[in-house]
């Protein structure tokens, strides 16, 4: 082979888009073994929480009132779709594997969603690079293996898949795009409420701006905005109906408890551990690309909506480092956690990063591929290494079999219990026992005054919230008779003097004394605590049918309702010039 022929082969190889199927297989190859090792079940904070919610649906599909936490709470306070899919799969493979399977689906959807979203802004080739890099961006393994935020990682790519249909409908009046886009939006909303309320707007507004920029001569800006309003109106009505029990629960009991501190709201400049956890680990080597992202994104008219959306989301992701989130969110700032904003910011940056990678490969070919590959591997490795090095270590992998066995024998489940020092292993106990607790991990569902009147989260981790946490625990122990609170399981000797002083006696121990059981003799069996938050039967019927129906319809539309081929500026032969003509890279019209 001549030197000229070899050069052409190498050039053609680097100038072809990577097939989306190959990118999905790479995602499976990277994350499949980690999930097969059940890593999220032992290293993440929220995996047990989501399994607990799914367990309730597996046993009580049409009854969202869960008596196992807070002496009773409504699961309509959290959109159910991810948990309901776990519940369905659990009938075949069990709850833990079902959780991992749904998490795998979310991971595989991320590069697909990023690819479709990036196609709005850049060429297919650059979009394929963006999709490939989404597998390695640190926010994904951070949220999967450390935070355990399955609804965040599942809802975000579904919204990304909906956005091209929103764009196509706004520009072309394509009915199929309206139907499929709205159904995907409803499915994503049924997975996660925070992504619905905040993430959907952060992504949709730049896309709407782009649709106005890309309008043809037959469409005015007003007509594009009008069709976008129709899409938004139909989606809003649909979300209102599908999640009606959620809205009713929030209206009846708005979140008015004393704010609970969270590290993601801190000033990251003042704490190195927080900065590593919420900035360096989620972004990784992507940080090095941010100056170029801002430069390229601001240089071209079609990319400016995207770069503005990225910049705003990036500021939100910094939490309390800047005053911007608190100015905008006000009271909601004290309720939100901001690690999910890092994923959204990274997804917004990836189309432009894909464009930068395209230029680098055109210019440096093999050398650029090696450097970019090394940076990608380093970025995905950082969150995995941080699982070991981080000072924030979850306890989800704690063995709780002895506690579960105690609660399930001798009528012990007639009384309520709390755990102290178990951290996020509490949901694991609740999943496998019929006994009820006055504690729980979902702060937004708490209504007991002993919990809401103090700036503390779970009783099981009370000492980490200082005097507020200990006061909340004392208040609950004081009212133990009212709640039928008889048993306390302690995995941290720090709590033993307080429990003993409050009248409990040590009756048993497990795991060579690592866990002690304390009981109070004069406590009557637990009784049902009256509550006006119990959903009605019709709410349970809606909750058990409509969210799942949206996902099934979205899947059927994807399989049996083909997309019409709509030419977008990024796909038009005149839309993107070669790398040798950077000034003509992006054009505003077809």
Protein backbone atom coordinates (compact mmCIF):
# COMPACT_ATOMS: atom_id res chain seq x y z
CA UNK A 1 0.00 0.00 0.00
CA UNK A 2 1.37 3.38 -0.97
CA UNK A 3 1.82 6.19 1.48
CA UNK A 4 -0.97 8.17 -0.20
CA UNK A 5 -3.39 5.23 0.03
CA UNK A 6 -2.54 4.66 3.69
CA UNK A 7 -3.16 8.33 4.44
CA UNK A 8 -6.58 8.18 2.75
CA UNK A 9 -7.57 5.09 4.74
CA UNK A 10 -6.55 6.74 8.00
CA UNK A 11 -8.33 9.97 7.10
CA UNK A 12 -11.54 8.18 6.09
CA UNK A 13 -11.47 6.16 9.29
CA UNK A 14 -11.38 9.27 11.46
CA UNK A 15 -13.93 11.15 9.35
CA UNK A 16 -16.75 8.63 9.67
CA UNK A 17 -19.37 8.87 12.44
CA UNK A 18 -19.26 6.10 15.02
CA UNK A 19 -22.37 3.89 14.65
CA UNK A 20 -24.81 4.42 17.51
CA UNK A 21 -25.14 0.66 18.00
CA UNK A 22 -21.39 0.43 18.57
CA UNK A 23 -21.54 3.26 21.12
CA UNK A 24 -24.30 1.47 23.05
CA UNK A 25 -22.21 -1.71 23.06
CA UNK A 26 -19.28 0.26 24.45
CA UNK A 27 -21.53 1.59 27.21
CA UNK A 28 -22.53 -2.00 27.97
CA UNK A 29 -18.88 -3.09 28.01
CA UNK A 30 -17.86 -0.28 30.40
CA UNK A 31 -20.74 -0.35 32.86
CA UNK A 32 -22.07 -3.89 32.47
CA UNK A 33 -19.28 -5.54 34.54
CA UNK A 34 -19.60 -2.88 37.28
CA UNK A 35 -23.32 -3.53 37.56
CA UNK A 36 -22.75 -7.29 37.43
CA UNK A 37 -20.55 -6.81 40.51
CA UNK A 38 -23.61 -5.15 42.14
CA UNK A 39 -21.48 -2.11 42.86
CA UNK A 40 -24.35 0.40 43.34
CA UNK A 41 -25.91 -1.83 46.01
CA UNK A 42 -22.89 -1.50 48.27
CA UNK A 43 -21.32 1.84 47.35
CA UNK A 44 -24.22 4.20 46.59
CA UNK A 45 -26.40 6.18 48.96
CA UNK A 46 -29.84 5.82 47.37
CA UNK A 47 -29.95 2.33 45.84
CA UNK A 48 -31.63 0.80 48.91
CA UNK A 49 -34.09 3.71 48.99
CA UNK A 50 -35.28 3.05 45.43
CA UNK A 51 -35.46 -0.70 46.04
CA UNK A 52 -37.62 0.00 49.11
CA UNK A 53 -40.07 2.09 47.09
CA UNK A 54 -40.16 -0.61 44.39
CA UNK A 55 -40.82 -3.28 47.00
CA UNK A 56 -43.99 -1.48 48.05
CA UNK A 57 -45.30 -1.42 44.47
CA UNK A 58 -44.47 -5.11 44.11
CA UNK A 59 -46.83 -5.87 47.02
CA UNK A 60 -49.35 -3.00 46.79
CA UNK A 61 -49.41 -1.76 43.19
CA UNK A 62 -52.59 0.31 43.51
CA UNK A 63 -52.11 1.46 47.11
CA UNK A 64 -49.39 4.14 47.40
CA UNK A 65 -49.86 4.52 51.17
CA UNK A 66 -46.74 2.97 52.76
CA UNK A 67 -46.95 2.25 56.50
CA UNK A 68 -43.31 1.22 56.95
CA UNK A 69 -41.81 4.73 57.33
CA UNK A 70 -42.84 7.77 59.34
CA UNK A 71 -45.75 5.76 60.82
CA UNK A 72 -47.24 5.99 57.32
CA UNK A 73 -46.51 8.16 54.25
CA UNK A 74 -47.70 8.47 50.67
CA UNK A 75 -45.47 7.36 47.81
CA UNK A 76 -47.39 9.72 45.56
CA UNK A 77 -44.85 12.29 46.74
CA UNK A 78 -42.33 10.69 44.32
CA UNK A 79 -43.09 9.84 40.66
CA UNK A 80 -43.37 6.06 40.42
CA UNK A 81 -42.25 4.92 36.98
CA UNK A 82 -38.66 3.84 37.73
CA UNK A 83 -39.81 2.05 40.88
CA UNK A 84 -42.69 0.37 39.09
CA UNK A 85 -40.39 -1.04 36.42
CA UNK A 86 -38.14 -2.38 39.17
CA UNK A 87 -41.20 -3.95 40.79
CA UNK A 88 -42.22 -5.61 37.50
CA UNK A 89 -38.75 -7.02 36.83
CA UNK A 90 -38.49 -8.16 40.46
CA UNK A 91 -41.12 -10.84 39.86
CA UNK A 92 -38.59 -12.49 37.54
CA UNK A 93 -35.15 -11.66 38.93
CA UNK A 94 -35.73 -10.30 42.45
CA UNK A 95 -35.51 -6.72 43.69
CA UNK A 96 -31.72 -6.14 43.75
CA UNK A 97 -31.15 -7.46 40.22
CA UNK A 98 -34.26 -5.64 38.98
CA UNK A 99 -32.81 -2.37 40.28
CA UNK A 100 -29.52 -3.07 38.48
CA UNK A 101 -31.38 -3.95 35.28
CA UNK A 102 -33.34 -0.68 35.24
CA UNK A 103 -30.12 1.20 36.03
CA UNK A 104 -28.45 -0.51 33.08
CA UNK A 105 -31.30 0.58 30.82
CA UNK A 106 -30.77 4.16 32.01
CA UNK A 107 -27.04 3.96 31.28
CA UNK A 108 -27.64 2.62 27.77
CA UNK A 109 -30.20 5.34 27.07
CA UNK A 110 -27.76 8.13 28.00
CA UNK A 111 -25.57 7.92 24.85
CA UNK A 112 -28.68 7.48 22.68
CA UNK A 113 -30.27 10.60 24.21
CA UNK A 114 -27.05 12.61 23.93
CA UNK A 115 -26.65 11.57 20.28
CA UNK A 116 -30.17 12.67 19.33
CA UNK A 117 -29.82 15.90 21.28
CA UNK A 118 -26.40 16.68 19.79
CA UNK A 119 -27.74 16.18 16.25
CA UNK A 120 -29.77 19.37 16.74
CA UNK A 121 -26.57 21.37 17.10
CA UNK A 122 -23.70 19.65 15.30
CA UNK A 123 -22.99 17.11 12.56
CA UNK A 124 -23.65 13.39 12.88
CA UNK A 125 -19.97 12.75 13.28
CA UNK A 126 -19.59 15.25 16.12
CA UNK A 127 -22.80 13.88 17.64
CA UNK A 128 -21.35 10.39 17.66
CA UNK A 129 -18.29 11.66 19.54
CA UNK A 130 -20.54 13.43 22.05
CA UNK A 131 -22.51 10.22 22.58
CA UNK A 132 -19.33 8.18 23.04
CA UNK A 133 -17.91 10.63 25.57
CA UNK A 134 -21.19 10.60 27.53
CA UNK A 135 -20.32 7.04 28.58
CA UNK A 136 -17.17 8.29 30.26
CA UNK A 137 -18.24 11.67 31.67
CA UNK A 138 -17.71 11.49 35.43
CA UNK A 139 -21.23 12.62 36.39
CA UNK A 140 -22.66 9.30 35.16
CA UNK A 141 -20.61 6.91 37.34
CA UNK A 142 -20.81 9.43 40.19
CA UNK A 143 -24.62 9.42 40.14
CA UNK A 144 -24.83 5.67 39.50
CA UNK A 145 -22.20 4.23 41.82
CA UNK A 146 -21.92 6.90 44.52
CA UNK A 147 -25.19 8.83 44.71
CA UNK A 148 -27.40 6.02 43.42
CA UNK A 149 -29.80 8.48 41.77
CA UNK A 150 -31.54 6.15 39.35
CA UNK A 151 -34.49 8.49 38.53
CA UNK A 152 -32.05 11.27 37.58
CA UNK A 153 -30.02 9.08 35.24
CA UNK A 154 -33.17 7.56 33.71
CA UNK A 155 -35.29 10.67 33.23
CA UNK A 156 -32.55 12.88 31.72
CA UNK A 157 -31.95 10.80 28.55
CA UNK A 158 -35.72 10.37 28.03
CA UNK A 159 -36.06 14.16 28.01
CA UNK A 160 -33.15 14.38 25.58
CA UNK A 161 -34.97 11.96 23.29
CA UNK A 162 -38.08 14.14 23.44
CA UNK A 163 -36.30 17.39 22.52
CA UNK A 164 -35.70 16.66 18.80
CA UNK A 165 -39.43 16.02 18.42
CA UNK A 166 -40.17 19.30 20.19
CA UNK A 167 -37.79 21.02 17.75
CA UNK A 168 -39.25 19.32 14.66
CA UNK A 169 -42.85 20.08 15.65
CA UNK A 170 -42.01 23.72 16.37
CA UNK A 171 -40.41 24.12 12.93
CA UNK A 172 -42.49 21.86 10.70
CA UNK A 173 -45.91 21.12 12.26
CA UNK A 174 -45.14 17.39 12.04
CA UNK A 175 -47.92 15.56 13.92
CA UNK A 176 -45.82 12.50 14.62
CA UNK A 177 -43.20 14.64 16.28
CA UNK A 178 -45.86 16.20 18.50
CA UNK A 179 -47.26 12.81 19.50
CA UNK A 180 -43.92 11.13 20.19
CA UNK A 181 -42.38 14.17 21.86
CA UNK A 182 -45.29 14.64 24.25
CA UNK A 183 -45.38 10.94 25.15
CA UNK A 184 -41.65 10.87 25.89
CA UNK A 185 -42.06 14.00 28.01
CA UNK A 186 -44.84 12.36 30.02
CA UNK A 187 -42.73 9.23 30.52
CA UNK A 188 -39.75 11.28 31.71
CA UNK A 189 -41.99 13.27 34.07
CA UNK A 190 -43.30 9.99 35.49
CA UNK A 191 -39.74 9.05 36.43
CA UNK A 192 -38.50 12.15 38.27
CA UNK A 193 -40.16 15.33 39.45
CA UNK A 194 -37.00 17.44 39.90
CA UNK A 195 -35.90 16.79 36.33
CA UNK A 196 -39.43 17.71 35.22
CA UNK A 197 -39.61 20.98 37.15
CA UNK A 198 -36.06 22.21 36.55
CA UNK A 199 -34.15 20.12 34.00
CA UNK A 200 -36.84 20.14 31.33
CA UNK A 201 -36.84 23.95 31.17
CA UNK A 202 -33.06 24.19 31.15
CA UNK A 203 -32.93 21.91 28.09
CA UNK A 204 -36.09 23.02 26.30
CA UNK A 205 -35.48 26.78 26.22
CA UNK A 206 -32.22 26.58 24.21
CA UNK A 207 -33.90 24.15 21.80
CA UNK A 208 -36.82 26.55 21.36
CA UNK A 209 -34.38 29.39 20.67
CA UNK A 210 -32.66 27.17 18.11
CA UNK A 211 -35.98 26.39 16.41
CA UNK A 212 -36.57 30.14 16.02
CA UNK A 213 -33.09 30.61 14.55
CA UNK A 214 -33.54 27.69 12.13
CA UNK A 215 -37.01 28.63 10.89
CA UNK A 216 -37.43 28.76 7.13
CA UNK A 217 -38.96 31.57 5.09
CA UNK A 218 -42.46 30.10 5.38
CA UNK A 219 -42.45 30.33 9.18
CA UNK A 220 -42.28 33.42 11.33
CA UNK A 221 -40.81 33.46 14.81
CA UNK A 222 -44.36 33.84 16.12
CA UNK A 223 -45.55 30.66 14.41
CA UNK A 224 -42.61 28.70 15.81
CA UNK A 225 -43.30 30.02 19.31
CA UNK A 226 -47.00 29.32 18.87
CA UNK A 227 -46.42 25.67 17.99
CA UNK A 228 -43.98 25.39 20.88
CA UNK A 229 -46.70 26.76 23.17
CA UNK A 230 -49.09 24.10 21.85
CA UNK A 231 -46.53 21.39 22.62
CA UNK A 232 -45.93 22.80 26.09
CA UNK A 233 -49.64 23.16 26.77
CA UNK A 234 -50.48 19.59 25.78
CA UNK A 235 -47.49 18.28 27.76
CA UNK A 236 -48.49 20.35 30.79
CA UNK A 237 -52.05 19.04 30.70
CA UNK A 238 -50.75 15.49 30.29
CA UNK A 239 -48.30 15.83 33.17
CA UNK A 240 -51.06 17.35 35.28
CA UNK A 241 -53.27 14.31 34.70
CA UNK A 242 -50.60 11.58 34.85
CA UNK A 243 -49.08 12.95 38.07
CA UNK A 244 -52.31 14.31 39.55
CA UNK A 245 -51.87 12.44 42.87
CA UNK A 246 -48.41 14.01 43.20
CA UNK A 247 -49.73 17.54 42.70
CA UNK A 248 -52.58 16.93 45.16
CA UNK A 249 -50.13 15.65 47.78
CA UNK A 250 -47.81 18.65 47.34
CA UNK A 251 -50.68 21.16 47.46
CA UNK A 252 -52.15 19.55 50.58
CA UNK A 253 -48.80 19.22 52.37
CA UNK A 254 -46.20 21.59 50.89
CA UNK A 255 -42.65 21.10 52.08
CA UNK A 256 -42.45 23.52 55.01
CA UNK A 257 -40.12 21.65 57.35
CA UNK A 258 -36.98 23.28 58.70
CA UNK A 259 -34.29 23.10 55.98
CA UNK A 260 -31.95 20.14 56.18
CA UNK A 261 -28.30 20.88 55.33
CA UNK A 262 -26.74 19.20 52.31
CA UNK A 263 -23.14 19.40 51.15
CA UNK A 264 -24.08 20.16 47.53
CA UNK A 265 -25.45 23.54 48.68
CA UNK A 266 -22.11 24.49 50.23
CA UNK A 267 -19.50 26.89 48.91
CA UNK A 268 -17.18 24.44 47.16
CA UNK A 269 -14.29 26.89 47.42
CA UNK A 270 -14.23 26.51 51.20
CA UNK A 271 -14.08 22.71 51.45
CA UNK A 272 -11.71 20.61 49.35
CA UNK A 273 -13.61 17.36 49.94
CA UNK A 274 -16.85 18.94 48.75
CA UNK A 275 -15.09 20.43 45.72
CA UNK A 276 -13.68 17.04 44.75
CA UNK A 277 -17.00 15.30 45.33
CA UNK A 278 -19.25 17.76 43.48
CA UNK A 279 -16.95 19.34 40.90
CA UNK A 280 -13.72 17.55 40.01
CA UNK A 281 -15.10 14.00 40.17
CA UNK A 282 -18.32 14.60 38.17
CA UNK A 283 -16.63 16.63 35.44
CA UNK A 284 -13.13 15.11 35.32
CA UNK A 285 -11.12 15.98 32.22
CA UNK A 286 -14.18 17.79 30.85
CA UNK A 287 -13.03 20.73 32.99
CA UNK A 288 -10.08 21.20 30.63
CA UNK A 289 -12.47 21.52 27.70
CA UNK A 290 -14.73 24.14 29.30
CA UNK A 291 -12.73 27.19 28.07
CA UNK A 292 -12.86 25.84 24.52
CA UNK A 293 -16.55 25.01 24.92
CA UNK A 294 -17.24 28.64 25.85
CA UNK A 295 -15.05 29.92 23.02
CA UNK A 296 -16.52 27.75 20.26
CA UNK A 297 -20.06 27.97 21.60
CA UNK A 298 -20.07 31.77 21.72
CA UNK A 299 -18.42 32.14 18.31
CA UNK A 300 -21.30 30.73 16.27
CA UNK A 301 -24.89 31.91 16.21
CA UNK A 302 -26.56 28.48 16.28
CA UNK A 303 -24.56 27.36 19.31
CA UNK A 304 -25.20 30.42 21.46
CA UNK A 305 -28.52 29.15 22.89
CA UNK A 306 -26.77 25.95 23.93
CA UNK A 307 -23.81 27.69 25.51
CA UNK A 308 -26.13 30.00 27.46
CA UNK A 309 -28.11 27.01 28.72
CA UNK A 310 -24.89 25.26 29.68
CA UNK A 311 -23.57 28.30 31.53
CA UNK A 312 -26.74 28.74 33.58
CA UNK A 313 -26.91 25.04 34.43
CA UNK A 314 -23.22 25.05 35.30
CA UNK A 315 -23.77 27.91 37.76
CA UNK A 316 -26.66 26.01 39.36
CA UNK A 317 -24.46 22.93 39.69
CA UNK A 318 -22.03 24.91 41.85
CA UNK A 319 -24.67 25.09 44.59
CA UNK A 320 -23.78 27.70 47.19
CA UNK A 321 -20.46 28.61 45.58
CA UNK A 322 -22.21 31.52 43.85
CA UNK A 323 -25.34 33.39 44.99
CA UNK A 324 -27.12 32.69 41.68
CA UNK A 325 -28.99 29.48 42.68
CA UNK A 326 -30.27 31.03 45.89
CA UNK A 327 -31.37 34.20 44.12
CA UNK A 328 -33.36 32.23 41.54
CA UNK A 329 -34.66 29.27 43.53
CA UNK A 330 -35.20 31.12 46.83
CA UNK A 331 -37.01 28.74 49.22
CA UNK A 332 -36.49 25.80 46.85
CA UNK A 333 -32.73 26.24 47.25
CA UNK A 334 -33.01 24.78 50.77
CA UNK A 335 -34.79 21.70 49.43
CA UNK A 336 -32.88 20.90 46.24
CA UNK A 337 -29.65 18.96 46.01
CA UNK A 338 -27.44 20.11 43.16
CA UNK A 339 -25.37 17.11 42.06
CA UNK A 340 -27.91 16.31 39.30
CA UNK A 341 -27.22 19.71 37.74
CA UNK A 342 -23.67 18.58 37.00
CA UNK A 343 -25.06 15.79 34.79
CA UNK A 344 -27.29 18.24 32.94
CA UNK A 345 -24.45 20.73 32.47
CA UNK A 346 -22.19 18.00 31.12
CA UNK A 347 -24.89 16.86 28.68
CA UNK A 348 -25.27 20.42 27.41
CA UNK A 349 -21.54 20.75 26.91
CA UNK A 350 -21.09 17.44 25.09
CA UNK A 351 -22.34 18.51 21.62
CA UNK A 352 -19.75 21.27 21.53
CA UNK A 353 -17.11 18.92 22.96
CA UNK A 354 -17.97 16.52 20.15
CA UNK A 355 -17.40 19.34 17.68
CA UNK A 356 -14.02 20.12 19.25
CA UNK A 357 -13.05 16.42 19.10
CA UNK A 358 -14.04 16.38 15.43
CA UNK A 359 -11.65 19.25 14.72
CA UNK A 360 -8.83 17.68 16.73
CA UNK A 361 -9.15 14.35 14.90
CA UNK A 362 -9.17 16.11 11.53
CA UNK A 363 -5.98 17.90 12.42
CA UNK A 364 -4.01 15.44 14.55
CA UNK A 365 -5.76 12.10 13.82
CA UNK A 366 -4.11 9.27 15.78
CA UNK A 367 -2.34 11.50 18.30
CA UNK A 368 -5.57 13.26 19.17
CA UNK A 369 -7.40 9.93 19.49
CA UNK A 370 -4.85 8.69 22.03
CA UNK A 371 -5.00 11.86 24.14
CA UNK A 372 -8.81 12.01 24.06
CA UNK A 373 -9.07 8.31 24.89
CA UNK A 374 -6.73 8.70 27.85
CA UNK A 375 -8.70 11.69 29.15
CA UNK A 376 -11.97 9.75 28.82
CA UNK A 377 -10.64 6.73 30.71
CA UNK A 378 -9.22 8.98 33.42
CA UNK A 379 -12.55 10.77 33.74
CA UNK A 380 -14.54 7.57 34.26
CA UNK A 381 -11.88 6.17 36.59
CA UNK A 382 -11.94 9.14 38.97
CA UNK A 383 -15.45 8.50 40.36
CA UNK A 384 -14.62 4.81 40.80
CA UNK A 385 -11.42 5.61 42.67
CA UNK A 386 -13.31 8.18 44.74
CA UNK A 387 -15.58 5.40 46.00
CA UNK A 388 -12.58 4.15 47.97
CA UNK A 389 -10.85 7.44 48.79
CA UNK A 390 -13.90 9.55 49.62
CA UNK A 391 -14.49 10.53 53.26
CA UNK A 392 -18.20 10.16 52.54
CA UNK A 393 -18.74 6.43 52.86
CA UNK A 394 -22.28 4.99 52.61
CA UNK A 395 -23.36 2.04 54.74
CA UNK A 396 -25.75 0.48 52.24
CA UNK A 397 -23.74 -2.73 52.15
CA UNK A 398 -24.18 -3.35 55.88
CA UNK A 399 -25.47 -6.85 56.68
CA UNK A 400 -28.88 -6.41 58.32
CA UNK A 401 -30.11 -10.01 58.18
CA UNK A 402 -30.06 -10.38 61.97
CA UNK A 403 -32.13 -7.23 62.46
CA UNK A 404 -34.66 -8.37 59.84
CA UNK A 405 -34.89 -11.81 61.44
CA UNK A 406 -35.49 -10.27 64.89
CA UNK A 407 -38.30 -8.05 63.64
CA UNK A 408 -39.95 -10.93 61.77
CA UNK A 409 -40.19 -13.28 64.78
CA UNK A 410 -42.17 -13.50 68.01
CA UNK A 411 -44.63 -10.80 67.03
CA UNK A 412 -42.01 -8.06 67.11
CA UNK A 413 -43.51 -6.52 63.99
CA UNK A 414 -46.51 -5.40 66.08
CA UNK A 415 -44.27 -2.61 67.40
CA UNK A 416 -42.41 0.18 65.70
CA UNK A 417 -38.63 0.51 65.69
CA UNK A 418 -35.80 2.87 64.83
CA UNK A 419 -32.17 2.27 63.96
CA UNK A 420 -29.19 4.34 65.09
CA UNK A 421 -25.91 4.30 63.21
CA UNK A 422 -27.25 2.30 60.25
CA UNK A 423 -27.19 5.16 57.76
CA UNK A 424 -28.58 4.26 54.36
CA UNK A 425 -28.91 0.58 55.31
CA UNK A 426 -32.25 1.50 56.91
CA UNK A 427 -34.26 1.01 53.67
CA UNK A 428 -32.81 -2.50 53.37
CA UNK A 429 -34.30 -3.40 56.76
CA UNK A 430 -37.64 -1.83 55.83
CA UNK A 431 -37.78 -3.72 52.54
CA UNK A 432 -37.63 -7.16 54.11
CA UNK A 433 -39.67 -6.75 57.27
CA UNK A 434 -43.34 -6.00 57.93
CA UNK A 435 -42.46 -3.91 60.98
CA UNK A 436 -43.00 -0.15 60.80
CA UNK A 437 -40.58 2.61 61.70
CA UNK A 438 -41.03 6.26 62.63
CA UNK A 439 -37.83 7.00 60.72
CA UNK A 440 -37.21 6.97 56.97
CA UNK A 441 -34.98 8.28 54.20
CA UNK A 442 -37.33 10.37 52.05
CA UNK A 443 -37.37 13.79 53.67
CA UNK A 444 -40.10 15.28 51.47
CA UNK A 445 -42.66 12.74 52.73
CA UNK A 446 -42.17 13.40 56.45
CA UNK A 447 -45.11 14.79 58.39
CA UNK A 448 -44.28 13.82 62.00
CA UNK A 449 -43.52 16.97 64.02
CA UNK A 450 -40.59 15.27 65.80
CA UNK A 451 -38.89 15.17 62.39
CA UNK A 452 -40.10 18.28 60.59
CA UNK A 453 -39.46 20.74 63.45
CA UNK A 454 -35.71 20.11 63.46
CA UNK A 455 -33.06 20.62 60.79
CA UNK A 456 -32.15 16.97 60.60
CA UNK A 457 -32.74 14.19 58.11
CA UNK A 458 -32.85 10.58 59.32
CA UNK A 459 -32.91 9.70 63.01
CA UNK A 460 -30.52 6.86 62.26
CA UNK A 461 -27.84 9.48 61.44
CA UNK A 462 -28.91 12.02 64.08
CA UNK A 463 -25.45 12.76 65.46
CA UNK A 464 -24.22 14.03 62.08
CA UNK A 465 -26.77 16.87 62.27
CA UNK A 466 -25.42 18.20 65.56
CA UNK A 467 -27.72 19.52 68.24
CA UNK A 468 -30.69 19.60 65.85
CA UNK A 469 -30.32 15.91 65.14
CA UNK A 470 -30.02 14.92 68.77
CA UNK A 471 -32.99 17.10 69.76
CA UNK A 472 -35.10 15.40 67.11
CA UNK A 473 -34.06 12.00 68.44
CA UNK A 474 -34.85 13.01 72.04
CA UNK A 475 -38.29 14.24 70.98
CA UNK A 476 -39.03 10.92 69.29
CA UNK A 477 -37.88 8.90 72.31
CA UNK A 478 -40.03 11.08 74.56
CA UNK A 479 -43.13 10.23 72.49
CA UNK A 480 -42.33 6.54 72.05
CA UNK A 481 -45.54 5.41 73.76
CA UNK A 482 -47.66 7.40 71.31
CA UNK A 483 -46.06 5.69 68.30
CA UNK A 484 -45.64 2.19 69.74
CA UNK A 485 -41.86 2.60 69.47
CA UNK A 486 -40.48 -0.38 71.38
CA UNK A 487 -37.24 -1.51 69.66
CA UNK A 488 -34.06 0.42 68.92
CA UNK A 489 -31.19 -1.15 66.97
CA UNK A 490 -27.82 0.51 67.58
CA UNK A 491 -24.78 0.17 65.35
CA UNK A 492 -22.89 3.06 66.97
CA UNK A 493 -22.12 3.04 70.72
CA UNK A 494 -22.36 6.84 70.70
CA UNK A 495 -26.14 6.57 71.08
CA UNK A 496 -26.25 3.99 73.88
CA UNK A 497 -26.07 6.39 76.89
CA UNK A 498 -28.97 8.49 75.54
CA UNK A 499 -31.11 5.43 74.83
CA UNK A 500 -30.40 3.92 78.24
CA UNK A 501 -31.17 7.18 80.02
CA UNK A 502 -34.51 7.41 78.14
CA UNK A 503 -35.66 4.07 79.58
CA UNK A 504 -34.62 1.42 77.07
CA UNK A 505 -32.75 -1.71 78.15
CA UNK A 506 -30.34 -3.80 76.14
CA UNK A 507 -31.93 -7.18 75.39
CA UNK A 508 -29.84 -8.75 72.63
CA UNK A 509 -26.82 -8.30 70.38
CA UNK A 510 -25.81 -9.46 66.92
CA UNK A 511 -22.65 -9.77 64.86
CA UNK A 512 -20.31 -10.19 67.85
CA UNK A 513 -21.76 -7.14 69.58
CA UNK A 514 -21.56 -4.82 66.56
CA UNK A 515 -25.36 -4.40 66.69
CA UNK A 516 -27.26 -4.17 69.95
CA UNK A 517 -31.02 -4.38 70.48
CA UNK A 518 -32.72 -2.18 73.05
CA UNK A 519 -36.34 -2.50 74.17
CA UNK A 520 -38.80 -0.69 76.42
CA UNK A 521 -41.17 -2.89 78.38
CA UNK A 522 -44.19 -0.66 78.91
CA UNK A 523 -44.82 0.23 75.25
CA UNK A 524 -48.17 -0.86 73.77
CA UNK A 525 -48.34 -2.33 70.24
CA UNK A 526 -48.27 0.24 67.47
CA UNK A 527 -51.60 1.68 66.38
CA UNK A 528 -52.59 3.31 63.15
CA UNK A 529 -51.82 7.03 63.22
CA UNK A 530 -54.67 9.04 61.63
CA UNK A 531 -53.52 11.07 58.63
CA UNK A 532 -55.19 13.26 56.03
CA UNK A 533 -52.37 12.41 53.59
CA UNK A 534 -53.70 8.93 52.77
CA UNK A 535 -54.44 8.82 49.00
CA UNK A 536 -57.95 7.89 47.92
CA UNK A 537 -58.71 4.71 45.98
CA UNK A 538 -59.05 6.61 42.69
CA UNK A 539 -55.64 8.22 43.23
CA UNK A 540 -54.14 4.78 43.71
CA UNK A 541 -55.81 3.62 40.49
CA UNK A 542 -54.38 6.56 38.54
CA UNK A 543 -50.96 6.07 40.13
CA UNK A 544 -50.91 2.40 39.19
CA UNK A 545 -51.96 2.85 35.55
CA UNK A 546 -51.16 6.19 33.91
CA UNK A 547 -47.36 6.49 34.54
CA UNK A 548 -46.73 2.94 33.34
CA UNK A 549 -49.01 3.53 30.35
CA UNK A 550 -46.91 6.52 29.24
CA UNK A 551 -43.75 4.42 29.11
CA UNK A 552 -45.44 1.56 27.27
CA UNK A 553 -46.92 3.94 24.70
CA UNK A 554 -43.56 5.68 24.28
CA UNK A 555 -41.93 2.30 23.58
CA UNK A 556 -44.69 1.32 21.12
CA UNK A 557 -44.43 4.65 19.28
CA UNK A 558 -40.65 4.24 19.01
CA UNK A 559 -41.04 0.73 17.58
CA UNK A 560 -44.05 1.09 15.30
CA UNK A 561 -44.34 4.78 14.43
CA UNK A 562 -41.32 5.63 12.27
CA UNK A 563 -39.99 9.17 12.23
CA UNK A 564 -40.45 11.25 9.15
CA UNK A 565 -37.10 12.32 7.76
CA UNK A 566 -36.95 16.04 8.51
CA UNK A 567 -33.89 17.87 7.19
CA UNK A 568 -32.20 19.91 9.87
CA UNK A 569 -29.53 22.56 9.33
CA UNK A 570 -26.91 20.37 10.97
CA UNK A 571 -27.61 17.66 8.37
CA UNK A 572 -27.86 19.91 5.33
CA UNK A 573 -24.91 19.85 2.92
CA UNK A 574 -24.64 23.61 3.30
CA UNK A 575 -25.09 23.57 7.01
CA UNK A 576 -21.55 22.59 7.95
CA UNK A 577 -18.38 23.25 6.08
CA UNK A 578 -15.14 21.36 6.25
CA UNK A 579 -12.60 21.78 9.02
CA UNK A 580 -10.54 23.97 6.74
CA UNK A 581 -13.35 26.55 6.71
CA UNK A 582 -14.05 27.23 10.37
CA UNK A 583 -15.68 30.58 9.63
CA UNK A 584 -18.45 28.74 7.78
CA UNK A 585 -18.85 26.03 10.39
CA UNK A 586 -22.34 26.96 11.45
CA UNK A 587 -25.04 28.68 9.46
CA UNK A 588 -28.25 30.06 10.78
CA UNK A 589 -30.58 28.80 8.02
CA UNK A 590 -30.87 25.81 5.72
